[in-house]
Amino acid sequence: MDLDDLFPSKPGDPMVELAKQDLDPMSIEELHARIEALKAEIARVEQHMQRAQVHRSAAEDLFKKS
């Protein structure tokens, strides 16, 4: 049994669809553009993670027992 059968991804998960996309018909320029778009998305996610960590740390400090 495949792990995807046990733990299916969310319906229409964009990451799954992105990974399934055939790269063969894409030109070098299109592939470079795709890489740049993915790098921008990675940076956006990393920034969000950093803000979430700062927020979490602030909340933990606020509710920390003295």
C-alpha atoms as a PDB file:
ATOM      1  CA  MET A   1       0.000   0.000   0.000  1.00  0.00           C
ATOM      2  CA  ASP A   2       1.288   3.430  -0.970  1.00  0.00           C
ATOM      3  CA  LEU A   3       1.637   6.184   1.642  1.00  0.00           C
ATOM      4  CA  ASP A   4      -0.524   8.415  -0.543  1.00  0.00           C
ATOM      5  CA  ASP A   5      -3.325   5.898  -0.069  1.00  0.00           C
ATOM      6  CA  LEU A   6      -2.973   6.085   3.702  1.00  0.00           C
ATOM      7  CA  PHE A   7      -2.436   9.852   3.924  1.00  0.00           C
ATOM      8  CA  PRO A   8      -3.875  11.497   0.839  1.00  0.00           C
ATOM      9  CA  SER A   9      -3.042  15.137   0.275  1.00  0.00           C
ATOM     10  CA  LYS A  10      -5.705  17.771   0.344  1.00  0.00           C
ATOM     11  CA  PRO A  11      -7.856  17.785  -2.788  1.00  0.00           C
ATOM     12  CA  GLY A  12      -6.395  20.127  -5.348  1.00  0.00           C
ATOM     13  CA  ASP A  13      -3.192  20.660  -3.336  1.00  0.00           C
ATOM     14  CA  PRO A  14      -1.151  23.075  -5.494  1.00  0.00           C
ATOM     15  CA  MET A  15       2.157  21.549  -4.377  1.00  0.00           C
ATOM     16  CA  VAL A  16       1.084  18.109  -5.590  1.00  0.00           C
ATOM     17  CA  GLU A  17      -0.128  19.546  -8.881  1.00  0.00           C
ATOM     18  CA  LEU A  18       3.104  21.514  -9.294  1.00  0.00           C
ATOM     19  CA  ALA A  19       5.228  18.404  -8.743  1.00  0.00           C
ATOM     20  CA  LYS A  20       3.195  16.449 -11.307  1.00  0.00           C
ATOM     21  CA  GLN A  21       3.592  19.062 -14.026  1.00  0.00           C
ATOM     22  CA  ASP A  22       5.544  17.862 -17.065  1.00  0.00           C
ATOM     23  CA  LEU A  23       8.680  19.974 -17.520  1.00  0.00           C
ATOM     24  CA  ASP A  24       9.628  18.566 -20.932  1.00  0.00           C
ATOM     25  CA  PRO A  25       7.643  21.037 -23.060  1.00  0.00           C
ATOM     26  CA  MET A  26       9.035  24.057 -21.165  1.00  0.00           C
ATOM     27  CA  SER A  27      11.787  26.191 -22.665  1.00  0.00           C
ATOM     28  CA  ILE A  28      14.961  27.100 -20.785  1.00  0.00           C
ATOM     29  CA  GLU A  29      13.567  30.610 -20.280  1.00  0.00           C
ATOM     30  CA  GLU A  30      10.333  29.210 -18.855  1.00  0.00           C
ATOM     31  CA  LEU A  31      12.288  26.935 -16.533  1.00  0.00           C
ATOM     32  CA  HIS A  32      14.393  29.876 -15.309  1.00  0.00           C
ATOM     33  CA  ALA A  33      11.208  31.861 -14.699  1.00  0.00           C
ATOM     34  CA  ARG A  34       9.742  28.929 -12.803  1.00  0.00           C
ATOM     35  CA  ILE A  35      12.832  28.688 -10.602  1.00  0.00           C
ATOM     36  CA  GLU A  36      12.689  32.425  -9.848  1.00  0.00           C
ATOM     37  CA  ALA A  37       8.993  32.169  -8.956  1.00  0.00           C
ATOM     38  CA  LEU A  38       9.713  29.218  -6.660  1.00  0.00           C
ATOM     39  CA  LYS A  39      12.601  31.100  -5.005  1.00  0.00           C
ATOM     40  CA  ALA A  40      10.280  34.069  -4.405  1.00  0.00           C
ATOM     41  CA  GLU A  41       7.689  31.750  -2.860  1.00  0.00           C
ATOM     42  CA  ILE A  42      10.325  30.164  -0.623  1.00  0.00           C
ATOM     43  CA  ALA A  43      11.401  33.630   0.567  1.00  0.00           C
ATOM     44  CA  ARG A  44       7.772  34.552   1.251  1.00  0.00           C
ATOM     45  CA  VAL A  45       7.216  31.390   3.297  1.00  0.00           C
ATOM     46  CA  GLU A  46      10.458  31.905   5.235  1.00  0.00           C
ATOM     47  CA  GLN A  47       9.409  35.486   6.085  1.00  0.00           C
ATOM     48  CA  HIS A  48       6.029  34.242   7.256  1.00  0.00           C
ATOM     49  CA  MET A  49       7.684  31.579   9.402  1.00  0.00           C
ATOM     50  CA  GLN A  50       9.950  34.193  10.961  1.00  0.00           C
ATOM     51  CA  ARG A  51       6.993  36.480  11.786  1.00  0.00           C
ATOM     52  CA  ALA A  52       5.096  33.519  13.236  1.00  0.00           C
ATOM     53  CA  GLN A  53       8.068  32.578  15.428  1.00  0.00           C
ATOM     54  CA  VAL A  54       8.415  36.162  16.702  1.00  0.00           C
ATOM     55  CA  HIS A  55       4.689  36.244  17.447  1.00  0.00           C
ATOM     56  CA  ARG A  56       4.849  32.902  19.239  1.00  0.00           C
ATOM     57  CA  SER A  57       7.861  33.943  21.304  1.00  0.00           C
ATOM     58  CA  ALA A  58       6.100  37.157  22.318  1.00  0.00           C
ATOM     59  CA  ALA A  59       3.017  35.213  23.379  1.00  0.00           C
ATOM     60  CA  GLU A  60       5.112  32.715  25.340  1.00  0.00           C
ATOM     61  CA  ASP A  61       6.890  35.596  27.116  1.00  0.00           C
ATOM     62  CA  LEU A  62       3.565  37.230  27.915  1.00  0.00           C
ATOM     63  CA  PHE A  63       2.078  34.091  29.457  1.00  0.00           C
ATOM     64  CA  LYS A  64       5.282  32.798  31.064  1.00  0.00           C
ATOM     65  CA  LYS A  65       4.866  32.076  34.764  1.00  0.00           C
ATOM     66  CA  SER A  66       7.306  34.057  36.887  1.00  0.00           C
END
